[in-house]
Every structure is written in structure tokens, then in C-alpha cells.
Amino acid sequence: MEETTGYYLQFLTKKEEEEKKKKKRMRRRRKKKKKRRWRRKKRRRRKKKKNNNKKKKKKKRRRRRRRRRRRRRRRRRRGGGGRRGGERRRRTITRRRRTTTTTTTTTTRAATKSKMGKQS
């Protein structure tokens, strides 16, 4: 006796196949419509404040964009890791000690510091 799965294959005619597809499409469309309606409702619930400073806002936005672009460029040039999204502090609590070169010669504190900076 051979193993059988819990369902059997349906052999549909081309017309039935199309109908099935259509139904599926309609169901999906209905679902999307519902979601859209809900979103619209949510948006409508928020009270709108009269906006008198559109020009000012535009200027601010432009300035912010320029600043962001400049910062990004600077970061790219300098290399090294910046912080992620809205992160204020370092992710790791224990900081891995960055060692300088493996030579045993002693250097001044300032020299070590600059070396460390170059390594990152």
C-alpha cells in the first residue's frame, strides 16, 4: 500500500482555473481595499493644524538635506563606523581594548593615541 497525502489533486478545466484565479484576485483586492480604508480613517482622525509656514519648512528641509548629505560624505571619506539609526550610545558595554603594534618598545602616550586613531 502506497503512502497518500491528505489532499488530492484537482484537475480543473481552463475555465474553472480562470474563475479560481479571478476569485483569488478579488479576495486580495478586497483585503487591500479594507486596509486602505482603515489607513484613510486613521489619517482622518488626526486633527490637522493650519500650516502657515510652508516656505519656511521647505527651507528647513532643504538645509537639513544638505547637512545630512555633507555629513554622509564626510563619514564616507573618514571611514570607520558611525552609529546606527537613532542610537545614542555604543551598543557594546565592554569596549574591546585596541592594542597598538605588537612591538615591545615603549612610546609616549600621545604617540600611542595617534597610532590608535590610525588603526580604527
PDB file of N, CA and C in Angstrom:
ATOM      1  N   MET A   1       0.845  -1.203   0.000  1.00  0.00           N
ATOM      2  CA  MET A   1       0.000   0.000   0.000  1.00  0.00           C
ATOM      3  C   MET A   1       0.878   1.251   0.000  1.00  0.00           C
ATOM      4  N   GLU A   2       0.579   2.139  -0.917  1.00  0.00           N
ATOM      5  CA  GLU A   2       1.425   3.334  -1.012  1.00  0.00           C
ATOM      6  C   GLU A   2       0.920   4.459  -0.109  1.00  0.00           C
ATOM      7  N   GLU A   3       1.847   5.319   0.236  1.00  0.00           N
ATOM      8  CA  GLU A   3       1.504   6.444   1.108  1.00  0.00           C
ATOM      9  C   GLU A   3       0.703   7.485   0.318  1.00  0.00           C
ATOM     10  N   THR A   4      -0.316   8.012   0.943  1.00  0.00           N
ATOM     11  CA  THR A   4      -1.096   9.062   0.269  1.00  0.00           C
ATOM     12  C   THR A   4      -1.105  10.300   1.132  1.00  0.00           C
ATOM     13  N   THR A   5      -1.092  11.437   0.466  1.00  0.00           N
ATOM     14  CA  THR A   5      -1.163  12.701   1.217  1.00  0.00           C
ATOM     15  C   THR A   5      -2.619  12.965   1.532  1.00  0.00           C
ATOM     16  N   GLY A   6      -2.835  13.930   2.413  1.00  0.00           N
ATOM     17  CA  GLY A   6      -4.199  14.219   2.867  1.00  0.00           C
ATOM     18  C   GLY A   6      -5.086  14.885   1.842  1.00  0.00           C
ATOM     19  N   TYR A   7      -4.536  15.344   0.772  1.00  0.00           N
ATOM     20  CA  TYR A   7      -5.370  16.004  -0.231  1.00  0.00           C
ATOM     21  C   TYR A   7      -5.154  15.347  -1.589  1.00  0.00           C
ATOM     22  N   TYR A   8      -6.114  15.576  -2.457  1.00  0.00           N
ATOM     23  CA  TYR A   8      -5.968  15.014  -3.796  1.00  0.00           C
ATOM     24  C   TYR A   8      -5.845  16.146  -4.803  1.00  0.00           C
ATOM     25  N   LEU A   9      -5.228  15.871  -5.912  1.00  0.00           N
ATOM     26  CA  LEU A   9      -5.043  16.898  -6.928  1.00  0.00           C
ATOM     27  C   LEU A   9      -6.354  17.146  -7.643  1.00  0.00           C
ATOM     28  N   GLN A  10      -6.610  18.417  -7.886  1.00  0.00           N
ATOM     29  CA  GLN A  10      -7.838  18.758  -8.595  1.00  0.00           C
ATOM     30  C   GLN A  10      -7.483  19.006 -10.054  1.00  0.00           C
ATOM     31  N   PHE A  11      -8.170  18.347 -10.910  1.00  0.00           N
ATOM     32  CA  PHE A  11      -7.954  18.622 -12.326  1.00  0.00           C
ATOM     33  C   PHE A  11      -9.095  19.484 -12.807  1.00  0.00           C
ATOM     34  N   LEU A  12      -8.793  20.756 -13.038  1.00  0.00           N
ATOM     35  CA  LEU A  12      -9.836  21.691 -13.436  1.00  0.00           C
ATOM     36  C   LEU A  12      -9.710  22.015 -14.915  1.00  0.00           C
ATOM     37  N   THR A  13     -10.830  22.402 -15.457  1.00  0.00           N
ATOM     38  CA  THR A  13     -10.792  22.846 -16.851  1.00  0.00           C
ATOM     39  C   THR A  13     -10.196  24.246 -16.877  1.00  0.00           C
ATOM     40  N   LYS A  14      -9.877  24.699 -18.053  1.00  0.00           N
ATOM     41  CA  LYS A  14      -9.247  26.011 -18.188  1.00  0.00           C
ATOM     42  C   LYS A  14     -10.166  27.115 -17.634  1.00  0.00           C
ATOM     43  N   LYS A  15     -11.450  26.973 -17.917  1.00  0.00           N
ATOM     44  CA  LYS A  15     -12.421  27.968 -17.470  1.00  0.00           C
ATOM     45  C   LYS A  15     -12.470  28.021 -15.937  1.00  0.00           C
ATOM     46  N   GLU A  16     -12.518  26.847 -15.346  1.00  0.00           N
ATOM     47  CA  GLU A  16     -12.570  26.781 -13.879  1.00  0.00           C
ATOM     48  C   GLU A  16     -11.303  27.366 -13.259  1.00  0.00           C
ATOM     49  N   GLU A  17     -10.185  27.087 -13.872  1.00  0.00           N
ATOM     50  CA  GLU A  17      -8.898  27.612 -13.420  1.00  0.00           C
ATOM     51  C   GLU A  17      -8.930  29.144 -13.401  1.00  0.00           C
ATOM     52  N   GLU A  18      -9.427  29.711 -14.510  1.00  0.00           N
ATOM     53  CA  GLU A  18      -9.528  31.172 -14.616  1.00  0.00           C
ATOM     54  C   GLU A  18     -10.430  31.746 -13.532  1.00  0.00           C
ATOM     55  N   GLU A  19     -11.569  31.058 -13.316  1.00  0.00           N
ATOM     56  CA  GLU A  19     -12.507  31.508 -12.283  1.00  0.00           C
ATOM     57  C   GLU A  19     -11.827  31.548 -10.920  1.00  0.00           C
ATOM     58  N   LYS A  20     -11.083  30.487 -10.642  1.00  0.00           N
ATOM     59  CA  LYS A  20     -10.386  30.375  -9.369  1.00  0.00           C
ATOM     60  C   LYS A  20      -9.403  31.537  -9.197  1.00  0.00           C
ATOM     61  N   LYS A  21      -8.651  31.801 -10.241  1.00  0.00           N
ATOM     62  CA  LYS A  21      -7.685  32.897 -10.215  1.00  0.00           C
ATOM     63  C   LYS A  21      -8.378  34.229  -9.961  1.00  0.00           C
ATOM     64  N   LYS A  22      -9.508  34.396 -10.657  1.00  0.00           N
ATOM     65  CA  LYS A  22     -10.269  35.632 -10.543  1.00  0.00           C
ATOM     66  C   LYS A  22     -10.732  35.838  -9.096  1.00  0.00           C
ATOM     67  N   LYS A  23     -11.254  34.758  -8.521  1.00  0.00           N
ATOM     68  CA  LYS A  23     -11.726  34.822  -7.140  1.00  0.00           C
ATOM     69  C   LYS A  23     -10.598  35.220  -6.197  1.00  0.00           C
ATOM     70  N   LYS A  24      -9.455  34.608  -6.414  1.00  0.00           N
ATOM     71  CA  LYS A  24      -8.293  34.882  -5.575  1.00  0.00           C
ATOM     72  C   LYS A  24      -7.908  36.361  -5.672  1.00  0.00           C
ATOM     73  N   ARG A  25      -7.899  36.825  -6.933  1.00  0.00           N
ATOM     74  CA  ARG A  25      -7.555  38.224  -7.189  1.00  0.00           C
ATOM     75  C   ARG A  25      -8.507  39.170  -6.478  1.00  0.00           C
ATOM     76  N   MET A  26      -9.789  38.830  -6.596  1.00  0.00           N
ATOM     77  CA  MET A  26     -10.816  39.670  -5.986  1.00  0.00           C
ATOM     78  C   MET A  26     -10.659  39.700  -4.463  1.00  0.00           C
ATOM     79  N   ARG A  27     -10.368  38.520  -3.911  1.00  0.00           N
ATOM     80  CA  ARG A  27     -10.191  38.440  -2.463  1.00  0.00           C
ATOM     81  C   ARG A  27      -9.043  39.337  -2.017  1.00  0.00           C
ATOM     82  N   ARG A  28      -7.958  39.269  -2.780  1.00  0.00           N
ATOM     83  CA  ARG A  28      -6.781  40.073  -2.449  1.00  0.00           C
ATOM     84  C   ARG A  28      -7.095  41.566  -2.546  1.00  0.00           C
ATOM     85  N   ARG A  29      -7.845  41.895  -3.607  1.00  0.00           N
ATOM     86  CA  ARG A  29      -8.201  43.293  -3.826  1.00  0.00           C
ATOM     87  C   ARG A  29      -9.073  43.815  -2.690  1.00  0.00           C
ATOM     88  N   ARG A  30     -10.007  42.972  -2.252  1.00  0.00           N
ATOM     89  CA  ARG A  30     -10.899  43.353  -1.163  1.00  0.00           C
ATOM     90  C   ARG A  30     -10.107  43.620   0.123  1.00  0.00           C
ATOM     91  N   LYS A  31      -9.160  42.736   0.361  1.00  0.00           N
ATOM     92  CA  LYS A  31      -8.328  42.864   1.553  1.00  0.00           C
ATOM     93  C   LYS A  31      -7.552  44.176   1.518  1.00  0.00           C
ATOM     94  N   LYS A  32      -6.969  44.462   0.356  1.00  0.00           N
ATOM     95  CA  LYS A  32      -6.188  45.693   0.201  1.00  0.00           C
ATOM     96  C   LYS A  32      -7.069  46.919   0.412  1.00  0.00           C
ATOM     97  N   LYS A  33      -8.282  46.847  -0.146  1.00  0.00           N
ATOM     98  CA  LYS A  33      -9.215  47.956  -0.039  1.00  0.00           C
ATOM     99  C   LYS A  33      -9.526  48.240   1.427  1.00  0.00           C
ATOM    100  N   LYS A  34      -9.757  47.165   2.162  1.00  0.00           N
ATOM    101  CA  LYS A  34     -10.045  47.292   3.587  1.00  0.00           C
ATOM    102  C   LYS A  34      -8.901  47.988   4.306  1.00  0.00           C
ATOM    103  N   LYS A  35      -7.715  47.532   4.006  1.00  0.00           N
ATOM    104  CA  LYS A  35      -6.526  48.108   4.639  1.00  0.00           C
ATOM    105  C   LYS A  35      -6.420  49.591   4.327  1.00  0.00           C
ATOM    106  N   ARG A  36      -6.646  49.900   3.030  1.00  0.00           N
ATOM    107  CA  ARG A  36      -6.550  51.296   2.594  1.00  0.00           C
ATOM    108  C   ARG A  36      -7.564  52.171   3.324  1.00  0.00           C
ATOM    109  N   ARG A  37      -8.773  51.628   3.445  1.00  0.00           N
ATOM    110  CA  ARG A  37      -9.842  52.368   4.095  1.00  0.00           C
ATOM    111  C   ARG A  37      -9.470  52.663   5.540  1.00  0.00           C
ATOM    112  N   TRP A  38      -8.924  51.645   6.184  1.00  0.00           N
ATOM    113  CA  TRP A  38      -8.524  51.773   7.585  1.00  0.00           C
ATOM    114  C   TRP A  38      -7.451  52.840   7.735  1.00  0.00           C
ATOM    115  N   ARG A  39      -6.500  52.836   6.801  1.00  0.00           N
ATOM    116  CA  ARG A  39      -5.425  53.820   6.847  1.00  0.00           C
ATOM    117  C   ARG A  39      -5.975  55.235   6.694  1.00  0.00           C
ATOM    118  N   ARG A  40      -6.931  55.355   5.744  1.00  0.00           N
ATOM    119  CA  ARG A  40      -7.533  56.661   5.488  1.00  0.00           C
ATOM    120  C   ARG A  40      -8.257  57.166   6.731  1.00  0.00           C
ATOM    121  N   LYS A  41      -8.980  56.248   7.372  1.00  0.00           N
ATOM    122  CA  LYS A  41      -9.719  56.580   8.580  1.00  0.00           C
ATOM    123  C   LYS A  41      -8.764  57.102   9.648  1.00  0.00           C
ATOM    124  N   LYS A  42      -7.670  56.384   9.811  1.00  0.00           N
ATOM    125  CA  LYS A  42      -6.670  56.732  10.812  1.00  0.00           C
ATOM    126  C   LYS A  42      -6.128  58.133  10.543  1.00  0.00           C
ATOM    127  N   ARG A  43      -5.870  58.391   9.254  1.00  0.00           N
ATOM    128  CA  ARG A  43      -5.337  59.689   8.858  1.00  0.00           C
ATOM    129  C   ARG A  43      -6.344  60.798   9.160  1.00  0.00           C
ATOM    130  N   ARG A  44      -7.629  60.480   8.907  1.00  0.00           N
ATOM    131  CA  ARG A  44      -8.658  61.480   9.102  1.00  0.00           C
ATOM    132  C   ARG A  44      -8.852  61.806  10.575  1.00  0.00           C
ATOM    133  N   ARG A  45      -8.565  60.807  11.418  1.00  0.00           N
ATOM    134  CA  ARG A  45      -8.752  61.008  12.848  1.00  0.00           C
ATOM    135  C   ARG A  45      -7.794  62.035  13.424  1.00  0.00           C
ATOM    136  N   ARG A  46      -6.619  62.139  12.825  1.00  0.00           N
ATOM    137  CA  ARG A  46      -5.657  63.113  13.328  1.00  0.00           C
ATOM    138  C   ARG A  46      -6.124  64.526  12.991  1.00  0.00           C
ATOM    139  N   LYS A  47      -6.068  65.411  13.966  1.00  0.00           N
ATOM    140  CA  LYS A  47      -6.530  66.777  13.732  1.00  0.00           C
ATOM    141  C   LYS A  47      -5.453  67.541  12.969  1.00  0.00           C
ATOM    142  N   LYS A  48      -5.872  68.204  11.924  1.00  0.00           N
ATOM    143  CA  LYS A  48      -4.886  68.946  11.135  1.00  0.00           C
ATOM    144  C   LYS A  48      -4.753  70.365  11.638  1.00  0.00           C
ATOM    145  N   LYS A  49      -3.527  70.810  11.701  1.00  0.00           N
ATOM    146  CA  LYS A  49      -3.256  72.168  12.151  1.00  0.00           C
ATOM    147  C   LYS A  49      -3.019  73.005  10.895  1.00  0.00           C
ATOM    148  N   LYS A  50      -3.503  74.227  10.939  1.00  0.00           N
ATOM    149  CA  LYS A  50      -3.321  75.081   9.777  1.00  0.00           C
ATOM    150  C   LYS A  50      -1.840  75.401   9.611  1.00  0.00           C
ATOM    151  N   ASN A  51      -1.379  75.260   8.413  1.00  0.00           N
ATOM    152  CA  ASN A  51       0.048  75.457   8.180  1.00  0.00           C
ATOM    153  C   ASN A  51       0.309  76.783   7.474  1.00  0.00           C
ATOM    154  N   ASN A  52       0.983  77.667   8.176  1.00  0.00           N
ATOM    155  CA  ASN A  52       1.274  78.972   7.590  1.00  0.00           C
ATOM    156  C   ASN A  52       2.725  79.132   7.174  1.00  0.00           C
ATOM    157  N   ASN A  53       3.537  78.145   7.529  1.00  0.00           N
ATOM    158  CA  ASN A  53       4.970  78.359   7.282  1.00  0.00           C
ATOM    159  C   ASN A  53       5.518  77.323   6.311  1.00  0.00           C
ATOM    160  N   LYS A  54       4.813  77.153   5.196  1.00  0.00           N
ATOM    161  CA  LYS A  54       5.252  76.144   4.239  1.00  0.00           C
ATOM    162  C   LYS A  54       6.607  76.488   3.634  1.00  0.00           C
ATOM    163  N   LYS A  55       6.796  77.777   3.341  1.00  0.00           N
ATOM    164  CA  LYS A  55       8.056  78.208   2.746  1.00  0.00           C
ATOM    165  C   LYS A  55       9.210  77.963   3.700  1.00  0.00           C
ATOM    166  N   LYS A  56       8.958  78.317   4.967  1.00  0.00           N
ATOM    167  CA  LYS A  56       9.983  78.144   5.987  1.00  0.00           C
ATOM    168  C   LYS A  56      10.347  76.672   6.114  1.00  0.00           C
ATOM    169  N   LYS A  57       9.306  75.848   6.101  1.00  0.00           N
ATOM    170  CA  LYS A  57       9.501  74.406   6.231  1.00  0.00           C
ATOM    171  C   LYS A  57      10.357  73.877   5.083  1.00  0.00           C
ATOM    172  N   LYS A  58      10.050  74.364   3.899  1.00  0.00           N
ATOM    173  CA  LYS A  58      10.779  73.919   2.710  1.00  0.00           C
ATOM    174  C   LYS A  58      12.266  74.262   2.860  1.00  0.00           C
ATOM    175  N   LYS A  59      12.500  75.482   3.340  1.00  0.00           N
ATOM    176  CA  LYS A  59      13.870  75.934   3.528  1.00  0.00           C
ATOM    177  C   LYS A  59      14.589  75.047   4.533  1.00  0.00           C
ATOM    178  N   LYS A  60      13.883  74.764   5.628  1.00  0.00           N
ATOM    179  CA  LYS A  60      14.457  73.919   6.684  1.00  0.00           C
ATOM    180  C   LYS A  60      14.791  72.545   6.147  1.00  0.00           C
ATOM    181  N   ARG A  61      13.856  72.009   5.375  1.00  0.00           N
ATOM    182  CA  ARG A  61      14.040  70.670   4.831  1.00  0.00           C
ATOM    183  C   ARG A  61      15.268  70.626   3.928  1.00  0.00           C
ATOM    184  N   ARG A  62      15.370  71.677   3.104  1.00  0.00           N
ATOM    185  CA  ARG A  62      16.494  71.747   2.181  1.00  0.00           C
ATOM    186  C   ARG A  62      17.807  71.807   2.954  1.00  0.00           C
ATOM    187  N   ARG A  63      17.804  72.632   4.000  1.00  0.00           N
ATOM    188  CA  ARG A  63      19.010  72.794   4.812  1.00  0.00           C
ATOM    189  C   ARG A  63      19.381  71.472   5.480  1.00  0.00           C
ATOM    190  N   ARG A  64      18.346  70.793   5.993  1.00  0.00           N
ATOM    191  CA  ARG A  64      18.576  69.522   6.677  1.00  0.00           C
ATOM    192  C   ARG A  64      19.164  68.499   5.714  1.00  0.00           C
ATOM    193  N   ARG A  65      18.592  68.479   4.495  1.00  0.00           N
ATOM    194  CA  ARG A  65      19.060  67.537   3.489  1.00  0.00           C
ATOM    195  C   ARG A  65      20.530  67.799   3.156  1.00  0.00           C
ATOM    196  N   ARG A  66      20.849  69.084   2.994  1.00  0.00           N
ATOM    197  CA  ARG A  66      22.214  69.454   2.644  1.00  0.00           C
ATOM    198  C   ARG A  66      23.169  69.031   3.757  1.00  0.00           C
ATOM    199  N   ARG A  67      22.742  69.277   4.997  1.00  0.00           N
ATOM    200  CA  ARG A  67      23.581  68.938   6.141  1.00  0.00           C
ATOM    201  C   ARG A  67      23.810  67.432   6.211  1.00  0.00           C
ATOM    202  N   ARG A  68      22.716  66.699   5.969  1.00  0.00           N
ATOM    203  CA  ARG A  68      22.799  65.247   6.030  1.00  0.00           C
ATOM    204  C   ARG A  68      23.756  64.711   4.963  1.00  0.00           C
ATOM    205  N   ARG A  69      23.629  65.300   3.765  1.00  0.00           N
ATOM    206  CA  ARG A  69      24.460  64.872   2.656  1.00  0.00           C
ATOM    207  C   ARG A  69      25.940  65.127   2.968  1.00  0.00           C
ATOM    208  N   ARG A  70      26.180  66.326   3.528  1.00  0.00           N
ATOM    209  CA  ARG A  70      27.544  66.704   3.869  1.00  0.00           C
ATOM    210  C   ARG A  70      28.114  65.752   4.913  1.00  0.00           C
ATOM    211  N   ARG A  71      27.289  65.457   5.916  1.00  0.00           N
ATOM    212  CA  ARG A  71      27.734  64.573   6.997  1.00  0.00           C
ATOM    213  C   ARG A  71      28.061  63.185   6.457  1.00  0.00           C
ATOM    214  N   ARG A  72      27.174  62.714   5.569  1.00  0.00           N
ATOM    215  CA  ARG A  72      27.369  61.384   4.997  1.00  0.00           C
ATOM    216  C   ARG A  72      28.677  61.324   4.210  1.00  0.00           C
ATOM    217  N   ARG A  73      28.906  62.384   3.434  1.00  0.00           N
ATOM    218  CA  ARG A  73      30.109  62.449   2.610  1.00  0.00           C
ATOM    219  C   ARG A  73      31.350  62.426   3.504  1.00  0.00           C
ATOM    220  N   ARG A  74      31.283  63.219   4.571  1.00  0.00           N
ATOM    221  CA  ARG A  74      32.406  63.310   5.492  1.00  0.00           C
ATOM    222  C   ARG A  74      32.684  61.952   6.128  1.00  0.00           C
ATOM    223  N   ARG A  75      31.604  61.292   6.529  1.00  0.00           N
ATOM    224  CA  ARG A  75      31.742  59.984   7.153  1.00  0.00           C
ATOM    225  C   ARG A  75      32.364  58.979   6.202  1.00  0.00           C
ATOM    226  N   ARG A  76      31.903  59.052   4.951  1.00  0.00           N
ATOM    227  CA  ARG A  76      32.415  58.124   3.951  1.00  0.00           C
ATOM    228  C   ARG A  76      33.901  58.331   3.729  1.00  0.00           C
ATOM    229  N   ARG A  77      34.308  59.599   3.706  1.00  0.00           N
ATOM    230  CA  ARG A  77      35.705  59.913   3.495  1.00  0.00           C
ATOM    231  C   ARG A  77      36.559  59.421   4.649  1.00  0.00           C
ATOM    232  N   ARG A  78      36.035  59.628   5.857  1.00  0.00           N
ATOM    233  CA  ARG A  78      36.832  59.279   7.029  1.00  0.00           C
ATOM    234  C   ARG A  78      36.856  57.786   7.294  1.00  0.00           C
ATOM    235  N   GLY A  79      35.810  57.101   6.883  1.00  0.00           N
ATOM    236  CA  GLY A  79      35.756  55.666   7.129  1.00  0.00           C
ATOM    237  C   GLY A  79      35.473  55.398   8.592  1.00  0.00           C
ATOM    238  N   GLY A  80      35.503  54.131   8.954  1.00  0.00           N
ATOM    239  CA  GLY A  80      35.213  53.797  10.347  1.00  0.00           C
ATOM    240  C   GLY A  80      33.716  53.749  10.545  1.00  0.00           C
ATOM    241  N   GLY A  81      33.287  53.220  11.665  1.00  0.00           N
ATOM    242  CA  GLY A  81      31.846  53.021  11.856  1.00  0.00           C
ATOM    243  C   GLY A  81      31.195  54.196  12.540  1.00  0.00           C
ATOM    244  N   GLY A  82      30.054  54.585  12.032  1.00  0.00           N
ATOM    245  CA  GLY A  82      29.248  55.580  12.718  1.00  0.00           C
ATOM    246  C   GLY A  82      28.241  54.820  13.541  1.00  0.00           C
ATOM    247  N   ARG A  83      27.340  55.531  14.198  1.00  0.00           N
ATOM    248  CA  ARG A  83      26.310  54.827  14.945  1.00  0.00           C
ATOM    249  C   ARG A  83      25.144  54.551  14.025  1.00  0.00           C
ATOM    250  N   ARG A  84      24.340  53.585  14.422  1.00  0.00           N
ATOM    251  CA  ARG A  84      23.167  53.249  13.629  1.00  0.00           C
ATOM    252  C   ARG A  84      22.069  54.264  13.865  1.00  0.00           C
ATOM    253  N   GLY A  85      21.022  54.133  13.107  1.00  0.00           N
ATOM    254  CA  GLY A  85      19.811  54.950  13.181  1.00  0.00           C
ATOM    255  C   GLY A  85      19.678  55.910  14.339  1.00  0.00           C
ATOM    256  N   GLY A  86      18.823  55.625  15.295  1.00  0.00           N
ATOM    257  CA  GLY A  86      18.600  56.582  16.381  1.00  0.00           C
ATOM    258  C   GLY A  86      19.369  56.198  17.620  1.00  0.00           C
ATOM    259  N   GLU A  87      20.549  55.759  17.458  1.00  0.00           N
ATOM    260  CA  GLU A  87      21.292  55.211  18.583  1.00  0.00           C
ATOM    261  C   GLU A  87      22.158  56.280  19.207  1.00  0.00           C
ATOM    262  N   ARG A  88      21.998  56.451  20.498  1.00  0.00           N
ATOM    263  CA  ARG A  88      22.768  57.487  21.171  1.00  0.00           C
ATOM    264  C   ARG A  88      24.098  56.971  21.678  1.00  0.00           C
ATOM    265  N   ARG A  89      24.064  55.749  22.245  1.00  0.00           N
ATOM    266  CA  ARG A  89      25.299  55.273  22.862  1.00  0.00           C
ATOM    267  C   ARG A  89      25.823  54.055  22.129  1.00  0.00           C
ATOM    268  N   ARG A  90      26.992  53.601  22.559  1.00  0.00           N
ATOM    269  CA  ARG A  90      27.586  52.426  21.942  1.00  0.00           C
ATOM    270  C   ARG A  90      26.777  51.208  22.259  1.00  0.00           C
ATOM    271  N   ARG A  91      26.746  50.258  21.333  1.00  0.00           N
ATOM    272  CA  ARG A  91      25.991  49.039  21.558  1.00  0.00           C
ATOM    273  C   ARG A  91      26.646  48.133  22.583  1.00  0.00           C
ATOM    274  N   THR A  92      27.974  48.003  22.490  1.00  0.00           N
ATOM    275  CA  THR A  92      28.651  47.096  23.407  1.00  0.00           C
ATOM    276  C   THR A  92      29.002  47.838  24.668  1.00  0.00           C
ATOM    277  N   ILE A  93      28.812  47.183  25.787  1.00  0.00           N
ATOM    278  CA  ILE A  93      29.101  47.833  27.063  1.00  0.00           C
ATOM    279  C   ILE A  93      30.593  47.749  27.329  1.00  0.00           C
ATOM    280  N   THR A  94      31.147  46.577  27.171  1.00  0.00           N
ATOM    281  CA  THR A  94      32.582  46.442  27.411  1.00  0.00           C
ATOM    282  C   THR A  94      33.297  46.770  26.114  1.00  0.00           C
ATOM    283  N   ARG A  95      34.182  47.709  26.189  1.00  0.00           N
ATOM    284  CA  ARG A  95      34.882  48.125  24.986  1.00  0.00           C
ATOM    285  C   ARG A  95      36.103  47.249  24.799  1.00  0.00           C
ATOM    286  N   ARG A  96      36.260  46.736  23.591  1.00  0.00           N
ATOM    287  CA  ARG A  96      37.409  45.911  23.303  1.00  0.00           C
ATOM    288  C   ARG A  96      38.645  46.805  23.309  1.00  0.00           C
ATOM    289  N   ARG A  97      39.652  46.429  24.061  1.00  0.00           N
ATOM    290  CA  ARG A  97      40.839  47.273  24.116  1.00  0.00           C
ATOM    291  C   ARG A  97      41.602  47.166  22.814  1.00  0.00           C
ATOM    292  N   ARG A  98      41.790  48.322  22.189  1.00  0.00           N
ATOM    293  CA  ARG A  98      42.521  48.304  20.937  1.00  0.00           C
ATOM    294  C   ARG A  98      44.000  48.346  21.251  1.00  0.00           C
ATOM    295  N   THR A  99      44.716  47.340  20.846  1.00  0.00           N
ATOM    296  CA  THR A  99      46.144  47.333  21.136  1.00  0.00           C
ATOM    297  C   THR A  99      46.865  47.976  19.973  1.00  0.00           C
ATOM    298  N   THR A 100      47.990  48.538  20.284  1.00  0.00           N
ATOM    299  CA  THR A 100      48.809  49.131  19.219  1.00  0.00           C
ATOM    300  C   THR A 100      49.641  48.010  18.623  1.00  0.00           C
ATOM    301  N   THR A 101      50.770  48.341  18.119  1.00  0.00           N
ATOM    302  CA  THR A 101      51.609  47.322  17.484  1.00  0.00           C
ATOM    303  C   THR A 101      52.128  46.321  18.510  1.00  0.00           C
ATOM    304  N   THR A 102      52.564  45.197  18.047  1.00  0.00           N
ATOM    305  CA  THR A 102      52.989  44.136  18.966  1.00  0.00           C
ATOM    306  C   THR A 102      54.442  44.286  19.418  1.00  0.00           C
ATOM    307  N   THR A 103      55.101  45.346  19.033  1.00  0.00           N
ATOM    308  CA  THR A 103      56.485  45.533  19.458  1.00  0.00           C
ATOM    309  C   THR A 103      56.533  45.916  20.923  1.00  0.00           C
ATOM    310  N   THR A 104      57.651  45.653  21.562  1.00  0.00           N
ATOM    311  CA  THR A 104      57.747  45.895  22.998  1.00  0.00           C
ATOM    312  C   THR A 104      58.316  47.267  23.324  1.00  0.00           C
ATOM    313  N   THR A 105      58.555  48.088  22.323  1.00  0.00           N
ATOM    314  CA  THR A 105      59.114  49.412  22.598  1.00  0.00           C
ATOM    315  C   THR A 105      58.069  50.281  23.253  1.00  0.00           C
ATOM    316  N   THR A 106      58.493  51.059  24.213  1.00  0.00           N
ATOM    317  CA  THR A 106      57.547  51.934  24.905  1.00  0.00           C
ATOM    318  C   THR A 106      57.472  53.257  24.155  1.00  0.00           C
ATOM    319  N   THR A 107      56.274  53.749  24.010  1.00  0.00           N
ATOM    320  CA  THR A 107      56.092  55.035  23.322  1.00  0.00           C
ATOM    321  C   THR A 107      55.384  55.991  24.252  1.00  0.00           C
ATOM    322  N   THR A 108      55.439  57.242  23.919  1.00  0.00           N
ATOM    323  CA  THR A 108      54.749  58.230  24.745  1.00  0.00           C
ATOM    324  C   THR A 108      53.260  58.071  24.566  1.00  0.00           C
ATOM    325  N   ARG A 109      52.525  58.627  25.485  1.00  0.00           N
ATOM    326  CA  ARG A 109      51.074  58.467  25.463  1.00  0.00           C
ATOM    327  C   ARG A 109      50.472  59.056  24.190  1.00  0.00           C
ATOM    328  N   ALA A 110      50.967  60.221  23.812  1.00  0.00           N
ATOM    329  CA  ALA A 110      50.434  60.898  22.642  1.00  0.00           C
ATOM    330  C   ALA A 110      50.656  60.079  21.381  1.00  0.00           C
ATOM    331  N   ALA A 111      51.856  59.491  21.274  1.00  0.00           N
ATOM    332  CA  ALA A 111      52.169  58.691  20.090  1.00  0.00           C
ATOM    333  C   ALA A 111      51.263  57.477  20.008  1.00  0.00           C
ATOM    334  N   THR A 112      51.056  56.851  21.175  1.00  0.00           N
ATOM    335  CA  THR A 112      50.183  55.670  21.210  1.00  0.00           C
ATOM    336  C   THR A 112      48.789  56.057  20.751  1.00  0.00           C
ATOM    337  N   LYS A 113      48.333  57.194  21.274  1.00  0.00           N
ATOM    338  CA  LYS A 113      46.990  57.653  20.937  1.00  0.00           C
ATOM    339  C   LYS A 113      46.837  57.859  19.440  1.00  0.00           C
ATOM    340  N   SER A 114      47.806  58.499  18.838  1.00  0.00           N
ATOM    341  CA  SER A 114      47.699  58.761  17.406  1.00  0.00           C
ATOM    342  C   SER A 114      47.723  57.455  16.630  1.00  0.00           C
ATOM    343  N   LYS A 115      48.521  56.511  17.117  1.00  0.00           N
ATOM    344  CA  LYS A 115      48.595  55.209  16.457  1.00  0.00           C
ATOM    345  C   LYS A 115      47.242  54.522  16.524  1.00  0.00           C
ATOM    346  N   MET A 116      46.632  54.631  17.705  1.00  0.00           N
ATOM    347  CA  MET A 116      45.325  54.008  17.890  1.00  0.00           C
ATOM    348  C   MET A 116      44.304  54.622  16.943  1.00  0.00           C
ATOM    349  N   GLY A 117      44.396  55.904  16.809  1.00  0.00           N
ATOM    350  CA  GLY A 117      43.474  56.598  15.919  1.00  0.00           C
ATOM    351  C   GLY A 117      43.625  56.123  14.486  1.00  0.00           C
ATOM    352  N   LYS A 118      44.863  55.901  14.082  1.00  0.00           N
ATOM    353  CA  LYS A 118      45.123  55.466  12.713  1.00  0.00           C
ATOM    354  C   LYS A 118      44.615  54.052  12.465  1.00  0.00           C
ATOM    355  N   GLN A 119      44.600  53.266  13.542  1.00  0.00           N
ATOM    356  CA  GLN A 119      44.205  51.870  13.380  1.00  0.00           C
ATOM    357  C   GLN A 119      42.720  51.705  13.154  1.00  0.00           C
ATOM    358  N   SER A 120      41.917  52.586  13.732  1.00  0.00           N
ATOM    359  CA  SER A 120      40.457  52.420  13.641  1.00  0.00           C
ATOM    360  C   SER A 120      39.965  52.688  12.247  1.00  0.00           C
TER     361      SER A 120
END
